[in-house]
Amino acid sequence: MLTGQIVNGFVSGMMYALVAIGFTLVVGVLDKLNFTHPEVLMFGGFVGVISLNVLPLPWAFVAAIAVGGAMGLITEFIAFRRFQGSDAKITAALASMAVGLIVTDLVQKLWGTEAVTLPPLTGWMAQRFSLAGVEFPNLQIVIVGITLGLAGGLHLFLERSKAGRQIRAVAESSVSASLLGIDVRRVTQAVFLISSALAAEAGLLLALRTGAASSDIGLTFGLKAFAIMAIGGLGDLRGAAVGGVIIGILEALMFYFGLGRLSELTVWAAMILVLMYRPAGIFGSTHVLEQRA
């Protein structure tokens, strides 16, 4: 039914949005691309493989946030701290790509290249609810709730906290922020910690939804999130959230109309169309785009 596909698309879009928001946070504040981000997403699923055998589900979510945040700090230290300035953007991006490749290789050495099945959900999480005559797993409520909670919490953190105001100041100008006494390095670390924690949480949610963790998911899912960031507007968190939901629903509608084989092309076709008419993205500013050039 159409309602079922739209709901499924919305849930997928929420996970796309969570990853794209993390991508966008780093680009918006540091004006650099973190290519380790998709591999942090992938590793979040394997955190579930490890933790769900010894911990209840709520603690598995906490573990994903902690491990993802730690991976973000490690990436910042290895790939970005030593490469500062506008002339080091490509070097830092390549270094982060190398870190991502190392993470993927380690995962494949430990768990192999095949998907690893997670322990089955039990209790309320294994049950289903009905909406408009269509049944959905309760897990989808959890996915939407966690995603909205994290996105809303991030918005409040950036808008109302002292640390959030410092992050926004660095996003405007790291030089001016430094002159005002803001510790730019600490802000940078906080940005990597938050963005990677979001990615790992999305990876765990994705693994729970599919029932398995795969070392290949970072490439496919992460590239889509990168395209969604471009669709929404580089550095714009609203655009990442809205773009993720739009792409998720469009992909679901492709399946509904019998075009499932083409669903993987949806995000790329949408990106091309949007950038043809709005090079800065849906919510992006042309002025910001010129500054980044």
Protein backbone atom coordinates (compact mmCIF):
# COMPACT_ATOMS: atom_id res chain seq x y z
CA MET A 1 0.00 0.00 0.00
CA LEU A 2 1.03 3.60 -0.63
CA THR A 3 0.82 4.49 3.08
CA GLY A 4 3.19 1.68 3.96
CA GLN A 5 5.75 2.75 1.37
CA ILE A 6 5.61 6.38 2.48
CA VAL A 7 6.14 5.40 6.12
CA ASN A 8 9.04 3.13 5.19
CA GLY A 9 10.51 5.89 3.06
CA PHE A 10 10.16 8.38 5.89
CA VAL A 11 12.01 6.05 8.27
CA SER A 12 14.80 5.51 5.73
CA GLY A 13 14.94 9.25 5.17
CA MET A 14 15.38 9.90 8.87
CA MET A 15 18.47 7.69 8.91
CA TYR A 16 19.80 9.38 5.77
CA ALA A 17 19.24 12.70 7.51
CA LEU A 18 21.12 11.64 10.63
CA VAL A 19 24.22 10.75 8.62
CA ALA A 20 23.94 13.81 6.35
CA ILE A 21 23.65 16.10 9.39
CA GLY A 22 26.97 14.75 10.67
CA PHE A 23 28.59 15.31 7.27
CA THR A 24 27.12 18.82 7.11
CA LEU A 25 28.26 19.75 10.61
CA VAL A 26 31.92 19.18 9.72
CA VAL A 27 31.61 20.95 6.36
CA GLY A 28 29.69 23.86 7.85
CA VAL A 29 32.09 24.49 10.72
CA LEU A 30 35.47 23.44 9.33
CA ASP A 31 34.86 23.71 5.57
CA LYS A 32 36.45 20.26 5.15
CA LEU A 33 35.17 16.86 4.08
CA ASN A 34 35.55 13.92 6.45
CA PHE A 35 35.64 10.76 4.35
CA THR A 36 35.92 8.59 7.46
CA HIS A 37 32.30 9.46 8.21
CA PRO A 38 30.74 6.62 6.15
CA GLU A 39 33.02 4.06 7.82
CA VAL A 40 31.98 5.30 11.26
CA LEU A 41 28.40 4.65 10.13
CA MET A 42 29.40 1.14 9.08
CA PHE A 43 31.20 0.47 12.37
CA GLY A 44 28.11 1.52 14.30
CA GLY A 45 26.42 -1.63 13.01
CA PHE A 46 29.26 -3.78 14.30
CA VAL A 47 29.00 -2.08 17.68
CA GLY A 48 25.54 -3.69 17.72
CA VAL A 49 27.06 -7.08 16.85
CA ILE A 50 29.36 -6.77 19.87
CA SER A 51 27.15 -5.01 22.43
CA LEU A 52 23.81 -6.75 21.89
CA ASN A 53 25.35 -10.05 22.95
CA VAL A 54 26.22 -8.67 26.38
CA LEU A 55 24.14 -5.50 26.87
CA PRO A 56 20.45 -4.57 26.73
CA LEU A 57 19.39 -2.50 23.72
CA PRO A 58 19.36 0.93 25.45
CA TRP A 59 22.99 0.46 26.48
CA ALA A 60 23.85 -0.60 22.93
CA PHE A 61 22.65 2.83 21.77
CA VAL A 62 24.87 4.46 24.40
CA ALA A 63 27.81 2.29 23.30
CA ALA A 64 27.32 3.34 19.66
CA ILE A 65 27.41 7.03 20.63
CA ALA A 66 30.53 6.52 22.77
CA VAL A 67 32.42 4.48 20.17
CA GLY A 68 31.41 6.82 17.34
CA GLY A 69 32.50 9.86 19.31
CA ALA A 70 35.85 8.26 20.08
CA MET A 71 36.36 7.44 16.40
CA GLY A 72 35.62 11.06 15.56
CA LEU A 73 38.29 12.30 17.97
CA ILE A 74 40.81 9.82 16.58
CA THR A 75 40.03 10.93 13.02
CA GLU A 76 40.43 14.59 13.98
CA PHE A 77 43.81 13.89 15.58
CA ILE A 78 45.21 11.74 12.75
CA ALA A 79 43.73 13.30 9.63
CA PHE A 80 42.86 16.93 10.40
CA ARG A 81 44.84 18.41 13.28
CA ARG A 82 48.11 18.60 11.41
CA PHE A 83 46.54 19.90 8.19
CA GLN A 84 45.25 23.40 8.81
CA GLY A 85 44.49 26.22 6.42
CA SER A 86 42.72 26.40 3.10
CA ASP A 87 45.65 24.86 1.21
CA ALA A 88 45.41 21.67 3.29
CA LYS A 89 41.78 20.76 2.52
CA ILE A 90 42.64 18.11 -0.04
CA THR A 91 45.39 16.66 2.14
CA ALA A 92 43.06 16.36 5.12
CA ALA A 93 40.32 14.81 2.98
CA LEU A 94 42.73 12.22 1.59
CA ALA A 95 44.06 11.48 5.07
CA SER A 96 40.52 10.91 6.34
CA MET A 97 39.87 8.61 3.39
CA ALA A 98 42.95 6.59 4.39
CA VAL A 99 41.67 6.30 7.97
CA GLY A 100 38.32 5.09 6.62
CA LEU A 101 40.02 2.44 4.50
CA ILE A 102 41.94 1.22 7.54
CA VAL A 103 38.69 0.95 9.53
CA THR A 104 37.04 -1.05 6.73
CA ASP A 105 40.03 -3.37 6.42
CA LEU A 106 40.11 -4.02 10.17
CA VAL A 107 36.39 -4.82 10.21
CA GLN A 108 36.78 -7.22 7.30
CA LYS A 109 39.71 -8.92 9.00
CA LEU A 110 37.71 -9.39 12.21
CA TRP A 111 34.25 -10.26 10.82
CA GLY A 112 34.86 -11.08 7.17
CA THR A 113 33.33 -9.52 4.08
CA GLU A 114 29.90 -11.12 4.47
CA ALA A 115 27.09 -9.48 6.45
CA VAL A 116 27.01 -10.44 10.13
CA THR A 117 23.58 -11.15 11.64
CA LEU A 118 22.61 -9.31 14.81
CA PRO A 119 20.88 -11.06 17.72
CA PRO A 120 17.10 -11.05 17.14
CA LEU A 121 15.00 -8.38 18.82
CA THR A 122 12.74 -9.50 21.64
CA GLY A 123 9.79 -8.17 23.63
CA TRP A 124 8.12 -4.94 22.58
CA MET A 125 10.79 -4.24 19.97
CA ALA A 126 9.86 -7.43 18.12
CA GLN A 127 6.15 -6.55 18.01
CA ARG A 128 4.27 -4.56 15.37
CA PHE A 129 1.75 -1.72 15.27
CA SER A 130 -0.98 -0.90 12.76
CA LEU A 131 -1.35 2.38 10.86
CA ALA A 132 -4.04 2.93 8.22
CA GLY A 133 -4.52 -0.80 7.95
CA VAL A 134 -0.81 -1.51 7.44
CA GLU A 135 1.41 -3.19 10.02
CA PHE A 136 4.85 -1.83 10.87
CA PRO A 137 7.50 -3.06 13.31
CA ASN A 138 7.75 -1.12 16.57
CA LEU A 139 11.43 -0.64 15.74
CA GLN A 140 10.40 2.06 13.28
CA ILE A 141 8.92 4.10 16.14
CA VAL A 142 12.26 3.80 17.93
CA ILE A 143 14.20 4.85 14.83
CA VAL A 144 12.04 7.92 14.26
CA GLY A 145 12.04 8.82 17.96
CA ILE A 146 15.81 8.55 18.36
CA THR A 147 16.49 10.44 15.14
CA LEU A 148 14.12 13.28 16.01
CA GLY A 149 15.51 13.38 19.54
CA LEU A 150 19.13 13.58 18.38
CA ALA A 151 18.39 16.14 15.66
CA GLY A 152 16.29 18.27 18.00
CA GLY A 153 18.87 17.99 20.77
CA LEU A 154 21.61 19.07 18.38
CA HIS A 155 19.55 22.08 17.29
CA LEU A 156 18.97 23.17 20.89
CA PHE A 157 22.63 22.57 21.72
CA LEU A 158 23.83 24.75 18.83
CA GLU A 159 21.29 27.52 19.47
CA ARG A 160 21.15 27.79 23.26
CA SER A 161 24.34 26.46 24.82
CA LYS A 162 27.64 28.28 25.24
CA ALA A 163 29.48 25.51 23.39
CA GLY A 164 26.93 25.70 20.58
CA ARG A 165 27.46 29.44 20.22
CA GLN A 166 31.20 28.84 20.05
CA ILE A 167 30.70 26.28 17.29
CA ARG A 168 28.59 28.77 15.32
CA ALA A 169 31.24 31.45 15.85
CA VAL A 170 33.96 29.19 14.47
CA ALA A 171 31.69 28.36 11.52
CA GLU A 172 31.48 32.08 10.72
CA SER A 173 35.22 32.68 11.03
CA SER A 174 37.77 30.60 12.90
CA VAL A 175 40.22 33.52 12.92
CA SER A 176 37.71 35.94 14.46
CA ALA A 177 36.60 33.28 16.94
CA SER A 178 40.20 32.74 18.02
CA LEU A 179 40.69 36.48 18.53
CA LEU A 180 37.61 36.45 20.77
CA GLY A 181 39.24 33.85 23.01
CA ILE A 182 37.45 30.75 21.70
CA ASP A 183 39.54 27.58 21.72
CA VAL A 184 39.17 26.59 18.06
CA ARG A 185 40.90 23.24 18.55
CA ARG A 186 38.47 22.24 21.27
CA VAL A 187 35.53 23.31 19.13
CA THR A 188 36.92 21.24 16.25
CA GLN A 189 37.17 18.19 18.51
CA ALA A 190 33.60 18.70 19.69
CA VAL A 191 32.35 18.88 16.09
CA PHE A 192 34.07 15.63 15.15
CA LEU A 193 32.82 13.93 18.31
CA ILE A 194 29.20 14.95 17.68
CA SER A 195 29.15 14.21 13.95
CA SER A 196 30.74 10.77 14.36
CA ALA A 197 28.47 9.89 17.27
CA LEU A 198 25.47 10.64 15.04
CA ALA A 199 26.90 8.48 12.26
CA ALA A 200 27.54 5.50 14.56
CA GLU A 201 24.03 5.77 16.00
CA ALA A 202 22.59 5.78 12.48
CA GLY A 203 24.70 2.73 11.67
CA LEU A 204 23.31 0.85 14.65
CA LEU A 205 19.74 1.80 13.76
CA LEU A 206 20.30 0.67 10.17
CA ALA A 207 21.75 -2.65 11.33
CA LEU A 208 18.79 -3.21 13.66
CA ARG A 209 16.38 -2.45 10.84
CA THR A 210 18.03 -4.82 8.37
CA GLY A 211 19.02 -7.40 10.98
CA ALA A 212 22.66 -7.45 9.92
CA ALA A 213 25.86 -5.39 9.88
CA SER A 214 27.89 -5.20 6.67
CA SER A 215 31.29 -3.73 5.88
CA ASP A 216 29.94 -2.52 2.52
CA ILE A 217 27.15 -0.33 3.90
CA GLY A 218 29.40 2.63 4.62
CA LEU A 219 30.18 3.19 0.96
CA THR A 220 26.62 2.97 -0.37
CA PHE A 221 24.81 4.69 2.50
CA GLY A 222 27.59 7.22 3.11
CA LEU A 223 27.75 8.33 -0.52
CA LYS A 224 23.99 8.87 -0.50
CA ALA A 225 24.33 11.02 2.62
CA PHE A 226 27.05 13.02 0.87
CA ALA A 227 24.73 13.63 -2.09
CA ILE A 228 21.90 14.59 0.28
CA MET A 229 24.18 17.15 1.90
CA ALA A 230 24.78 18.69 -1.54
CA ILE A 231 21.04 18.67 -2.26
CA GLY A 232 20.16 20.39 0.99
CA GLY A 233 23.01 22.88 0.86
CA LEU A 234 26.60 22.59 2.05
CA GLY A 235 26.79 23.44 5.72
CA ASP A 236 23.02 23.78 6.23
CA LEU A 237 21.62 21.38 8.83
CA ARG A 238 18.02 22.05 7.77
CA GLY A 239 18.87 21.06 4.23
CA ALA A 240 20.47 17.80 5.38
CA ALA A 241 17.38 16.87 7.39
CA VAL A 242 14.84 17.83 4.74
CA GLY A 243 16.89 16.36 1.91
CA GLY A 244 17.24 13.04 3.72
CA VAL A 245 13.50 12.67 4.24
CA ILE A 246 12.73 13.68 0.64
CA ILE A 247 15.15 11.13 -0.81
CA GLY A 248 13.89 8.39 1.49
CA ILE A 249 10.29 8.93 0.42
CA LEU A 250 11.21 9.24 -3.28
CA GLU A 251 13.08 5.93 -3.14
CA ALA A 252 10.09 4.25 -1.50
CA LEU A 253 7.75 5.63 -4.17
CA MET A 254 10.01 4.20 -6.85
CA PHE A 255 9.36 0.75 -5.38
CA TYR A 256 5.63 1.44 -5.14
CA PHE A 257 5.41 2.29 -8.83
CA GLY A 258 7.42 -0.77 -9.86
CA LEU A 259 10.70 1.05 -10.48
CA GLY A 260 12.63 -0.50 -7.60
CA ARG A 261 15.63 -1.31 -9.79
CA LEU A 262 16.08 2.40 -10.42
CA SER A 263 15.68 3.49 -6.79
CA GLU A 264 19.44 3.66 -6.22
CA LEU A 265 19.63 6.29 -8.95
CA THR A 266 17.04 8.54 -7.27
CA VAL A 267 19.46 10.45 -5.06
CA TRP A 268 21.90 11.10 -7.92
CA ALA A 269 19.20 12.22 -10.33
CA ALA A 270 17.80 14.51 -7.63
CA MET A 271 21.24 15.95 -6.91
CA ILE A 272 21.87 16.72 -10.59
CA LEU A 273 18.47 18.39 -11.00
CA VAL A 274 18.80 20.48 -7.83
CA LEU A 275 22.36 21.62 -8.56
CA MET A 276 21.44 22.55 -12.14
CA TYR A 277 18.95 25.13 -10.88
CA ARG A 278 20.29 25.84 -7.39
CA PRO A 279 24.07 25.28 -7.33
CA ALA A 280 24.18 26.04 -3.59
CA GLY A 281 21.49 23.46 -2.78
CA ILE A 282 17.89 23.90 -1.61
CA PHE A 283 18.74 25.85 1.55
CA GLY A 284 22.29 26.84 0.64
CA SER A 285 23.43 30.40 0.11
CA THR A 286 25.21 31.45 -3.08
CA HIS A 287 27.27 33.86 -0.96
CA VAL A 288 28.46 30.97 1.23
CA LEU A 289 29.23 28.89 -1.85
CA GLU A 290 31.39 31.71 -3.25
CA GLN A 291 33.25 31.96 0.06
CA ARG A 292 34.04 28.25 -0.04
CA ALA A 293 35.30 28.38 -3.63
